[in-house]
Amino acid sequence: MAEELRVLSGLKNKFAHYEDYERCLAELNRSILEINRINKLSGGQDPIGKTYHEQVDKPTENLTQTVAYIRKRLGSVVEGGNETVNTMNNANEESGQVVETF
């Protein structure tokens, strides 16, 4: 039984890149927020500025929400992956201890 409860040697590595993706999305989110801030200040409130905002504000808001959603989901994958690795490592250690007592 103990031989079956082994953590795949690369399991933790399989989830490692998700943390990188999450960091990249965080940087992208900061850039988008800065672009949105500048956009709000730049368009103006004259008729041309209002037309500009009607065309641009909603899509950039949607982009911001989409990036935030993806980042949140990647965070869940990272968290779940880390919990899986920890669970498997603990199970592996416990099974080794049980085998030693026999």
PDB file of N, CA and C in Angstrom:
ATOM      1  N   MET A   1       0.817  -1.186   0.000  1.00  0.00           N
ATOM      2  CA  MET A   1       0.000   0.000   0.000  1.00  0.00           C
ATOM      3  C   MET A   1       0.868   1.260   0.000  1.00  0.00           C
ATOM      4  N   ALA A   2       1.912   1.266   0.812  1.00  0.00           N
ATOM      5  CA  ALA A   2       2.755   2.452   0.898  1.00  0.00           C
ATOM      6  C   ALA A   2       3.413   2.763  -0.430  1.00  0.00           C
ATOM      7  N   GLU A   3       3.672   1.774  -1.221  1.00  0.00           N
ATOM      8  CA  GLU A   3       4.298   2.021  -2.513  1.00  0.00           C
ATOM      9  C   GLU A   3       3.371   2.783  -3.453  1.00  0.00           C
ATOM     10  N   GLU A   4       2.076   2.671  -3.269  1.00  0.00           N
ATOM     11  CA  GLU A   4       1.117   3.338  -4.135  1.00  0.00           C
ATOM     12  C   GLU A   4       0.929   4.813  -3.786  1.00  0.00           C
ATOM     13  N   LEU A   5       1.263   5.203  -2.575  1.00  0.00           N
ATOM     14  CA  LEU A   5       1.042   6.571  -2.116  1.00  0.00           C
ATOM     15  C   LEU A   5       2.312   7.399  -2.245  1.00  0.00           C
ATOM     16  N   ARG A   6       2.695   7.685  -3.449  1.00  0.00           N
ATOM     17  CA  ARG A   6       3.880   8.506  -3.681  1.00  0.00           C
ATOM     18  C   ARG A   6       3.498   9.736  -4.474  1.00  0.00           C
ATOM     19  N   VAL A   7       4.087  10.840  -4.101  1.00  0.00           N
ATOM     20  CA  VAL A   7       3.843  12.078  -4.818  1.00  0.00           C
ATOM     21  C   VAL A   7       4.642  12.027  -6.118  1.00  0.00           C
ATOM     22  N   LEU A   8       3.998  12.412  -7.202  1.00  0.00           N
ATOM     23  CA  LEU A   8       4.736  12.502  -8.452  1.00  0.00           C
ATOM     24  C   LEU A   8       5.863  13.503  -8.265  1.00  0.00           C
ATOM     25  N   SER A   9       7.044  13.153  -8.713  1.00  0.00           N
ATOM     26  CA  SER A   9       8.188  14.024  -8.466  1.00  0.00           C
ATOM     27  C   SER A   9       7.998  15.410  -9.077  1.00  0.00           C
ATOM     28  N   GLY A  10       7.266  15.521 -10.155  1.00  0.00           N
ATOM     29  CA  GLY A  10       7.078  16.813 -10.790  1.00  0.00           C
ATOM     30  C   GLY A  10       5.761  17.488 -10.472  1.00  0.00           C
ATOM     31  N   LEU A  11       5.013  16.960  -9.500  1.00  0.00           N
ATOM     32  CA  LEU A  11       3.686  17.506  -9.220  1.00  0.00           C
ATOM     33  C   LEU A  11       3.746  18.980  -8.851  1.00  0.00           C
ATOM     34  N   LYS A  12       4.642  19.339  -7.964  1.00  0.00           N
ATOM     35  CA  LYS A  12       4.743  20.738  -7.545  1.00  0.00           C
ATOM     36  C   LYS A  12       5.147  21.621  -8.725  1.00  0.00           C
ATOM     37  N   ASN A  13       6.022  21.109  -9.582  1.00  0.00           N
ATOM     38  CA  ASN A  13       6.440  21.876 -10.751  1.00  0.00           C
ATOM     39  C   ASN A  13       5.287  22.120 -11.719  1.00  0.00           C
ATOM     40  N   LYS A  14       4.340  21.205 -11.752  1.00  0.00           N
ATOM     41  CA  LYS A  14       3.199  21.358 -12.659  1.00  0.00           C
ATOM     42  C   LYS A  14       2.359  22.582 -12.281  1.00  0.00           C
ATOM     43  N   PHE A  15       2.360  22.958 -11.017  1.00  0.00           N
ATOM     44  CA  PHE A  15       1.589  24.102 -10.556  1.00  0.00           C
ATOM     45  C   PHE A  15       2.438  25.369 -10.439  1.00  0.00           C
ATOM     46  N   ALA A  16       3.754  25.247 -10.525  1.00  0.00           N
ATOM     47  CA  ALA A  16       4.646  26.387 -10.317  1.00  0.00           C
ATOM     48  C   ALA A  16       4.412  27.487 -11.342  1.00  0.00           C
ATOM     49  N   HIS A  17       4.159  27.129 -12.570  1.00  0.00           N
ATOM     50  CA  HIS A  17       3.989  28.143 -13.611  1.00  0.00           C
ATOM     51  C   HIS A  17       2.725  28.962 -13.417  1.00  0.00           C
ATOM     52  N   TYR A  18       1.746  28.410 -12.740  1.00  0.00           N
ATOM     53  CA  TYR A  18       0.517  29.158 -12.498  1.00  0.00           C
ATOM     54  C   TYR A  18       0.784  30.369 -11.623  1.00  0.00           C
ATOM     55  N   GLU A  19       1.720  30.269 -10.698  1.00  0.00           N
ATOM     56  CA  GLU A  19       2.085  31.428  -9.881  1.00  0.00           C
ATOM     57  C   GLU A  19       2.699  32.516 -10.755  1.00  0.00           C
ATOM     58  N   ASP A  20       3.523  32.114 -11.733  1.00  0.00           N
ATOM     59  CA  ASP A  20       4.095  33.078 -12.670  1.00  0.00           C
ATOM     60  C   ASP A  20       2.996  33.753 -13.482  1.00  0.00           C
ATOM     61  N   TYR A  21       2.032  32.967 -13.952  1.00  0.00           N
ATOM     62  CA  TYR A  21       0.921  33.517 -14.723  1.00  0.00           C
ATOM     63  C   TYR A  21       0.124  34.505 -13.876  1.00  0.00           C
ATOM     64  N   GLU A  22      -0.088  34.135 -12.627  1.00  0.00           N
ATOM     65  CA  GLU A  22      -0.843  35.010 -11.728  1.00  0.00           C
ATOM     66  C   GLU A  22      -0.104  36.334 -11.524  1.00  0.00           C
ATOM     67  N   ARG A  23       1.228  36.276 -11.359  1.00  0.00           N
ATOM     68  CA  ARG A  23       2.027  37.492 -11.209  1.00  0.00           C
ATOM     69  C   ARG A  23       1.946  38.355 -12.466  1.00  0.00           C
ATOM     70  N   CYS A  24       2.023  37.722 -13.624  1.00  0.00           N
ATOM     71  CA  CYS A  24       1.923  38.467 -14.890  1.00  0.00           C
ATOM     72  C   CYS A  24       0.567  39.155 -15.008  1.00  0.00           C
ATOM     73  N   LEU A  25      -0.479  38.451 -14.614  1.00  0.00           N
ATOM     74  CA  LEU A  25      -1.808  39.048 -14.671  1.00  0.00           C
ATOM     75  C   LEU A  25      -1.940  40.198 -13.678  1.00  0.00           C
ATOM     76  N   ALA A  26      -1.289  40.093 -12.536  1.00  0.00           N
ATOM     77  CA  ALA A  26      -1.313  41.189 -11.564  1.00  0.00           C
ATOM     78  C   ALA A  26      -0.638  42.429 -12.157  1.00  0.00           C
ATOM     79  N   GLU A  27       0.486  42.225 -12.844  1.00  0.00           N
ATOM     80  CA  GLU A  27       1.170  43.344 -13.503  1.00  0.00           C
ATOM     81  C   GLU A  27       0.310  43.928 -14.618  1.00  0.00           C
ATOM     82  N   LEU A  28      -0.321  43.048 -15.399  1.00  0.00           N
ATOM     83  CA  LEU A  28      -1.211  43.496 -16.459  1.00  0.00           C
ATOM     84  C   LEU A  28      -2.359  44.299 -15.869  1.00  0.00           C
ATOM     85  N   ASN A  29      -2.909  43.829 -14.765  1.00  0.00           N
ATOM     86  CA  ASN A  29      -4.009  44.525 -14.108  1.00  0.00           C
ATOM     87  C   ASN A  29      -3.589  45.925 -13.667  1.00  0.00           C
ATOM     88  N   ARG A  30      -2.391  46.048 -13.106  1.00  0.00           N
ATOM     89  CA  ARG A  30      -1.895  47.368 -12.688  1.00  0.00           C
ATOM     90  C   ARG A  30      -1.768  48.299 -13.895  1.00  0.00           C
ATOM     91  N   SER A  31      -1.273  47.760 -15.005  1.00  0.00           N
ATOM     92  CA  SER A  31      -1.131  48.569 -16.221  1.00  0.00           C
ATOM     93  C   SER A  31      -2.492  49.004 -16.753  1.00  0.00           C
ATOM     94  N   ILE A  32      -3.445  48.092 -16.749  1.00  0.00           N
ATOM     95  CA  ILE A  32      -4.790  48.415 -17.229  1.00  0.00           C
ATOM     96  C   ILE A  32      -5.428  49.491 -16.351  1.00  0.00           C
ATOM     97  N   LEU A  33      -5.258  49.366 -15.040  1.00  0.00           N
ATOM     98  CA  LEU A  33      -5.822  50.378 -14.133  1.00  0.00           C
ATOM     99  C   LEU A  33      -5.205  51.749 -14.382  1.00  0.00           C
ATOM    100  N   GLU A  34      -3.914  51.778 -14.653  1.00  0.00           N
ATOM    101  CA  GLU A  34      -3.238  53.046 -14.947  1.00  0.00           C
ATOM    102  C   GLU A  34      -3.735  53.621 -16.278  1.00  0.00           C
ATOM    103  N   ILE A  35      -3.896  52.764 -17.274  1.00  0.00           N
ATOM    104  CA  ILE A  35      -4.431  53.216 -18.568  1.00  0.00           C
ATOM    105  C   ILE A  35      -5.848  53.753 -18.384  1.00  0.00           C
ATOM    106  N   ASN A  36      -6.658  53.053 -17.591  1.00  0.00           N
ATOM    107  CA  ASN A  36      -8.024  53.519 -17.332  1.00  0.00           C
ATOM    108  C   ASN A  36      -8.019  54.877 -16.634  1.00  0.00           C
ATOM    109  N   ARG A  37      -7.117  55.039 -15.686  1.00  0.00           N
ATOM    110  CA  ARG A  37      -7.024  56.320 -14.960  1.00  0.00           C
ATOM    111  C   ARG A  37      -6.673  57.447 -15.933  1.00  0.00           C
ATOM    112  N   ILE A  38      -5.666  57.212 -16.749  1.00  0.00           N
ATOM    113  CA  ILE A  38      -5.256  58.221 -17.735  1.00  0.00           C
ATOM    114  C   ILE A  38      -6.380  58.480 -18.731  1.00  0.00           C
ATOM    115  N   ASN A  39      -7.048  57.423 -19.148  1.00  0.00           N
ATOM    116  CA  ASN A  39      -8.151  57.543 -20.098  1.00  0.00           C
ATOM    117  C   ASN A  39      -9.251  58.448 -19.548  1.00  0.00           C
ATOM    118  N   LYS A  40      -9.596  58.256 -18.295  1.00  0.00           N
ATOM    119  CA  LYS A  40     -10.668  59.061 -17.680  1.00  0.00           C
ATOM    120  C   LYS A  40     -10.295  60.541 -17.659  1.00  0.00           C
ATOM    121  N   LEU A  41      -9.006  60.819 -17.429  1.00  0.00           N
ATOM    122  CA  LEU A  41      -8.548  62.206 -17.364  1.00  0.00           C
ATOM    123  C   LEU A  41      -8.383  62.828 -18.750  1.00  0.00           C
ATOM    124  N   SER A  42      -8.109  61.993 -19.747  1.00  0.00           N
ATOM    125  CA  SER A  42      -7.729  62.499 -21.063  1.00  0.00           C
ATOM    126  C   SER A  42      -8.893  62.810 -21.993  1.00  0.00           C
ATOM    127  N   GLY A  43      -9.959  62.066 -21.890  1.00  0.00           N
ATOM    128  CA  GLY A  43     -11.032  62.198 -22.870  1.00  0.00           C
ATOM    129  C   GLY A  43     -11.740  63.529 -22.865  1.00  0.00           C
ATOM    130  N   GLY A  44     -11.840  64.141 -21.726  1.00  0.00           N
ATOM    131  CA  GLY A  44     -12.551  65.407 -21.631  1.00  0.00           C
ATOM    132  C   GLY A  44     -14.056  65.203 -21.582  1.00  0.00           C
ATOM    133  N   GLN A  45     -14.773  66.308 -21.432  1.00  0.00           N
ATOM    134  CA  GLN A  45     -16.230  66.253 -21.315  1.00  0.00           C
ATOM    135  C   GLN A  45     -16.937  67.015 -22.436  1.00  0.00           C
ATOM    136  N   ASP A  46     -16.193  67.436 -23.429  1.00  0.00           N
ATOM    137  CA  ASP A  46     -16.831  68.065 -24.581  1.00  0.00           C
ATOM    138  C   ASP A  46     -17.503  66.976 -25.426  1.00  0.00           C
ATOM    139  N   PRO A  47     -18.233  67.328 -26.471  1.00  0.00           N
ATOM    140  CA  PRO A  47     -18.928  66.306 -27.262  1.00  0.00           C
ATOM    141  C   PRO A  47     -18.001  65.217 -27.809  1.00  0.00           C
ATOM    142  N   ILE A  48     -16.823  65.581 -28.237  1.00  0.00           N
ATOM    143  CA  ILE A  48     -15.873  64.581 -28.757  1.00  0.00           C
ATOM    144  C   ILE A  48     -15.409  63.675 -27.621  1.00  0.00           C
ATOM    145  N   GLY A  49     -15.104  64.266 -26.477  1.00  0.00           N
ATOM    146  CA  GLY A  49     -14.678  63.480 -25.322  1.00  0.00           C
ATOM    147  C   GLY A  49     -15.768  62.539 -24.845  1.00  0.00           C
ATOM    148  N   LYS A  50     -17.006  63.010 -24.840  1.00  0.00           N
ATOM    149  CA  LYS A  50     -18.117  62.152 -24.423  1.00  0.00           C
ATOM    150  C   LYS A  50     -18.301  60.984 -25.386  1.00  0.00           C
ATOM    151  N   THR A  51     -18.170  61.256 -26.690  1.00  0.00           N
ATOM    152  CA  THR A  51     -18.264  60.175 -27.690  1.00  0.00           C
ATOM    153  C   THR A  51     -17.128  59.184 -27.484  1.00  0.00           C
ATOM    154  N   TYR A  52     -15.943  59.711 -27.219  1.00  0.00           N
ATOM    155  CA  TYR A  52     -14.784  58.860 -26.953  1.00  0.00           C
ATOM    156  C   TYR A  52     -15.062  57.938 -25.768  1.00  0.00           C
ATOM    157  N   HIS A  53     -15.545  58.504 -24.670  1.00  0.00           N
ATOM    158  CA  HIS A  53     -15.816  57.711 -23.469  1.00  0.00           C
ATOM    159  C   HIS A  53     -16.922  56.686 -23.702  1.00  0.00           C
ATOM    160  N   GLU A  54     -17.922  57.036 -24.496  1.00  0.00           N
ATOM    161  CA  GLU A  54     -18.988  56.078 -24.816  1.00  0.00           C
ATOM    162  C   GLU A  54     -18.430  54.846 -25.537  1.00  0.00           C
ATOM    163  N   GLN A  55     -17.385  55.060 -26.323  1.00  0.00           N
ATOM    164  CA  GLN A  55     -16.805  53.964 -27.097  1.00  0.00           C
ATOM    165  C   GLN A  55     -15.745  53.181 -26.325  1.00  0.00           C
ATOM    166  N   VAL A  56     -15.050  53.832 -25.437  1.00  0.00           N
ATOM    167  CA  VAL A  56     -13.857  53.229 -24.821  1.00  0.00           C
ATOM    168  C   VAL A  56     -14.073  52.748 -23.387  1.00  0.00           C
ATOM    169  N   ASP A  57     -14.848  53.464 -22.601  1.00  0.00           N
ATOM    170  CA  ASP A  57     -14.946  53.153 -21.173  1.00  0.00           C
ATOM    171  C   ASP A  57     -15.472  51.752 -20.887  1.00  0.00           C
ATOM    172  N   LYS A  58     -16.541  51.353 -21.534  1.00  0.00           N
ATOM    173  CA  LYS A  58     -17.133  50.038 -21.255  1.00  0.00           C
ATOM    174  C   LYS A  58     -16.188  48.898 -21.636  1.00  0.00           C
ATOM    175  N   PRO A  59     -15.565  48.913 -22.835  1.00  0.00           N
ATOM    176  CA  PRO A  59     -14.635  47.819 -23.157  1.00  0.00           C
ATOM    177  C   PRO A  59     -13.450  47.724 -22.204  1.00  0.00           C
ATOM    178  N   THR A  60     -12.907  48.873 -21.759  1.00  0.00           N
ATOM    179  CA  THR A  60     -11.781  48.786 -20.828  1.00  0.00           C
ATOM    180  C   THR A  60     -12.245  48.288 -19.464  1.00  0.00           C
ATOM    181  N   GLU A  61     -13.476  48.623 -19.086  1.00  0.00           N
ATOM    182  CA  GLU A  61     -14.035  48.085 -17.845  1.00  0.00           C
ATOM    183  C   GLU A  61     -14.196  46.566 -17.952  1.00  0.00           C
ATOM    184  N   ASN A  62     -14.690  46.108 -19.092  1.00  0.00           N
ATOM    185  CA  ASN A  62     -14.832  44.659 -19.314  1.00  0.00           C
ATOM    186  C   ASN A  62     -13.479  43.965 -19.284  1.00  0.00           C
ATOM    187  N   LEU A  63     -12.467  44.585 -19.879  1.00  0.00           N
ATOM    188  CA  LEU A  63     -11.121  44.007 -19.875  1.00  0.00           C
ATOM    189  C   LEU A  63     -10.598  43.894 -18.450  1.00  0.00           C
ATOM    190  N   THR A  64     -10.800  44.931 -17.668  1.00  0.00           N
ATOM    191  CA  THR A  64     -10.366  44.925 -16.268  1.00  0.00           C
ATOM    192  C   THR A  64     -11.034  43.789 -15.501  1.00  0.00           C
ATOM    193  N   GLN A  65     -12.330  43.629 -15.689  1.00  0.00           N
ATOM    194  CA  GLN A  65     -13.064  42.564 -15.006  1.00  0.00           C
ATOM    195  C   GLN A  65     -12.621  41.183 -15.470  1.00  0.00           C
ATOM    196  N   THR A  66     -12.361  41.038 -16.756  1.00  0.00           N
ATOM    197  CA  THR A  66     -11.925  39.741 -17.293  1.00  0.00           C
ATOM    198  C   THR A  66     -10.565  39.344 -16.731  1.00  0.00           C
ATOM    199  N   VAL A  67      -9.635  40.276 -16.713  1.00  0.00           N
ATOM    200  CA  VAL A  67      -8.301  39.992 -16.166  1.00  0.00           C
ATOM    201  C   VAL A  67      -8.404  39.641 -14.685  1.00  0.00           C
ATOM    202  N   ALA A  68      -9.225  40.361 -13.949  1.00  0.00           N
ATOM    203  CA  ALA A  68      -9.401  40.072 -12.519  1.00  0.00           C
ATOM    204  C   ALA A  68      -9.986  38.676 -12.320  1.00  0.00           C
ATOM    205  N   TYR A  69     -10.943  38.298 -13.148  1.00  0.00           N
ATOM    206  CA  TYR A  69     -11.571  36.974 -13.049  1.00  0.00           C
ATOM    207  C   TYR A  69     -10.550  35.870 -13.341  1.00  0.00           C
ATOM    208  N   ILE A  70      -9.780  36.040 -14.404  1.00  0.00           N
ATOM    209  CA  ILE A  70      -8.775  35.028 -14.753  1.00  0.00           C
ATOM    210  C   ILE A  70      -7.737  34.918 -13.648  1.00  0.00           C
ATOM    211  N   ARG A  71      -7.317  36.051 -13.124  1.00  0.00           N
ATOM    212  CA  ARG A  71      -6.325  36.053 -12.040  1.00  0.00           C
ATOM    213  C   ARG A  71      -6.863  35.321 -10.808  1.00  0.00           C
ATOM    214  N   LYS A  72      -8.115  35.554 -10.489  1.00  0.00           N
ATOM    215  CA  LYS A  72      -8.726  34.883  -9.344  1.00  0.00           C
ATOM    216  C   LYS A  72      -8.771  33.376  -9.572  1.00  0.00           C
ATOM    217  N   ARG A  73      -9.137  32.945 -10.760  1.00  0.00           N
ATOM    218  CA  ARG A  73      -9.204  31.517 -11.072  1.00  0.00           C
ATOM    219  C   ARG A  73      -7.817  30.879 -11.022  1.00  0.00           C
ATOM    220  N   LEU A  74      -6.814  31.566 -11.548  1.00  0.00           N
ATOM    221  CA  LEU A  74      -5.449  31.037 -11.471  1.00  0.00           C
ATOM    222  C   LEU A  74      -5.003  30.921 -10.020  1.00  0.00           C
ATOM    223  N   GLY A  75      -5.389  31.893  -9.204  1.00  0.00           N
ATOM    224  CA  GLY A  75      -5.067  31.819  -7.778  1.00  0.00           C
ATOM    225  C   GLY A  75      -5.680  30.592  -7.141  1.00  0.00           C
ATOM    226  N   SER A  76      -6.893  30.242  -7.547  1.00  0.00           N
ATOM    227  CA  SER A  76      -7.548  29.037  -7.024  1.00  0.00           C
ATOM    228  C   SER A  76      -6.805  27.783  -7.452  1.00  0.00           C
ATOM    229  N   VAL A  77      -6.322  27.773  -8.684  1.00  0.00           N
ATOM    230  CA  VAL A  77      -5.569  26.617  -9.177  1.00  0.00           C
ATOM    231  C   VAL A  77      -4.258  26.478  -8.399  1.00  0.00           C
ATOM    232  N   VAL A  78      -3.583  27.588  -8.183  1.00  0.00           N
ATOM    233  CA  VAL A  78      -2.329  27.566  -7.417  1.00  0.00           C
ATOM    234  C   VAL A  78      -2.583  27.048  -6.010  1.00  0.00           C
ATOM    235  N   GLU A  79      -3.610  27.582  -5.375  1.00  0.00           N
ATOM    236  CA  GLU A  79      -3.937  27.169  -4.005  1.00  0.00           C
ATOM    237  C   GLU A  79      -4.305  25.684  -3.956  1.00  0.00           C
ATOM    238  N   GLY A  80      -5.147  25.252  -4.879  1.00  0.00           N
ATOM    239  CA  GLY A  80      -5.543  23.849  -4.936  1.00  0.00           C
ATOM    240  C   GLY A  80      -4.374  22.932  -5.218  1.00  0.00           C
ATOM    241  N   GLY A  81      -3.496  23.360  -6.108  1.00  0.00           N
ATOM    242  CA  GLY A  81      -2.313  22.567  -6.418  1.00  0.00           C
ATOM    243  C   GLY A  81      -1.391  22.418  -5.226  1.00  0.00           C
ATOM    244  N   ASN A  82      -1.187  23.517  -4.520  1.00  0.00           N
ATOM    245  CA  ASN A  82      -0.341  23.459  -3.322  1.00  0.00           C
ATOM    246  C   ASN A  82      -0.956  22.566  -2.252  1.00  0.00           C
ATOM    247  N   GLU A  83      -2.266  22.642  -2.078  1.00  0.00           N
ATOM    248  CA  GLU A  83      -2.935  21.776  -1.111  1.00  0.00           C
ATOM    249  C   GLU A  83      -2.812  20.310  -1.517  1.00  0.00           C
ATOM    250  N   THR A  84      -2.933  20.040  -2.802  1.00  0.00           N
ATOM    251  CA  THR A  84      -2.797  18.666  -3.299  1.00  0.00           C
ATOM    252  C   THR A  84      -1.402  18.131  -3.032  1.00  0.00           C
ATOM    253  N   VAL A  85      -0.397  18.927  -3.344  1.00  0.00           N
ATOM    254  CA  VAL A  85       0.991  18.510  -3.107  1.00  0.00           C
ATOM    255  C   VAL A  85       1.211  18.250  -1.626  1.00  0.00           C
ATOM    256  N   ASN A  86       0.736  19.154  -0.770  1.00  0.00           N
ATOM    257  CA  ASN A  86       0.906  18.975   0.676  1.00  0.00           C
ATOM    258  C   ASN A  86       0.191  17.721   1.171  1.00  0.00           C
ATOM    259  N   THR A  87      -1.018  17.495   0.691  1.00  0.00           N
ATOM    260  CA  THR A  87      -1.771  16.303   1.084  1.00  0.00           C
ATOM    261  C   THR A  87      -1.037  15.037   0.668  1.00  0.00           C
ATOM    262  N   MET A  88      -0.548  15.024  -0.556  1.00  0.00           N
ATOM    263  CA  MET A  88       0.175  13.847  -1.043  1.00  0.00           C
ATOM    264  C   MET A  88       1.471  13.640  -0.262  1.00  0.00           C
ATOM    265  N   ASN A  89       2.178  14.722   0.029  1.00  0.00           N
ATOM    266  CA  ASN A  89       3.409  14.597   0.813  1.00  0.00           C
ATOM    267  C   ASN A  89       3.113  14.057   2.210  1.00  0.00           C
ATOM    268  N   ASN A  90       2.068  14.580   2.846  1.00  0.00           N
ATOM    269  CA  ASN A  90       1.690  14.101   4.181  1.00  0.00           C
ATOM    270  C   ASN A  90       1.283  12.632   4.144  1.00  0.00           C
ATOM    271  N   ALA A  91       0.515  12.249   3.137  1.00  0.00           N
ATOM    272  CA  ALA A  91       0.094  10.852   3.007  1.00  0.00           C
ATOM    273  C   ALA A  91       1.296   9.946   2.793  1.00  0.00           C
ATOM    274  N   ASN A  92       2.243  10.415   2.016  1.00  0.00           N
ATOM    275  CA  ASN A  92       3.456   9.637   1.750  1.00  0.00           C
ATOM    276  C   ASN A  92       4.252   9.443   3.038  1.00  0.00           C
ATOM    277  N   GLU A  93       4.390  10.525   3.823  1.00  0.00           N
ATOM    278  CA  GLU A  93       5.125  10.437   5.093  1.00  0.00           C
ATOM    279  C   GLU A  93       4.410   9.508   6.074  1.00  0.00           C
ATOM    280  N   GLU A  94       3.102   9.660   6.189  1.00  0.00           N
ATOM    281  CA  GLU A  94       2.333   8.834   7.122  1.00  0.00           C
ATOM    282  C   GLU A  94       2.380   7.367   6.725  1.00  0.00           C
ATOM    283  N   SER A  95       2.295   7.086   5.443  1.00  0.00           N
ATOM    284  CA  SER A  95       2.343   5.689   5.025  1.00  0.00           C
ATOM    285  C   SER A  95       3.709   5.096   5.313  1.00  0.00           C
ATOM    286  N   GLY A  96       4.758   5.891   5.174  1.00  0.00           N
ATOM    287  CA  GLY A  96       6.101   5.413   5.500  1.00  0.00           C
ATOM    288  C   GLY A  96       6.238   5.118   6.981  1.00  0.00           C
ATOM    289  N   GLN A  97       5.627   5.947   7.811  1.00  0.00           N
ATOM    290  CA  GLN A  97       5.682   5.723   9.251  1.00  0.00           C
ATOM    291  C   GLN A  97       4.896   4.465   9.635  1.00  0.00           C
ATOM    292  N   VAL A  98       3.785   4.237   8.987  1.00  0.00           N
ATOM    293  CA  VAL A  98       2.970   3.040   9.272  1.00  0.00           C
ATOM    294  C   VAL A  98       3.745   1.794   8.889  1.00  0.00           C
ATOM    295  N   VAL A  99       4.401   1.829   7.750  1.00  0.00           N
ATOM    296  CA  VAL A  99       5.179   0.672   7.289  1.00  0.00           C
ATOM    297  C   VAL A  99       6.319   0.388   8.238  1.00  0.00           C
ATOM    298  N   GLU A 100       6.960   1.451   8.766  1.00  0.00           N
ATOM    299  CA  GLU A 100       8.068   1.270   9.691  1.00  0.00           C
ATOM    300  C   GLU A 100       7.648   0.604  10.998  1.00  0.00           C
ATOM    301  N   THR A 101       6.395   0.843  11.403  1.00  0.00           N
ATOM    302  CA  THR A 101       5.952   0.260  12.674  1.00  0.00           C
ATOM    303  C   THR A 101       5.672  -1.240  12.548  1.00  0.00           C
ATOM    304  N   PHE A 102       5.498  -1.746  11.332  1.00  0.00           N
ATOM    305  CA  PHE A 102       5.266  -3.165  11.149  1.00  0.00           C
ATOM    306  C   PHE A 102       6.563  -3.846  11.073  1.00  0.00           C
TER     307      PHE A 102
END
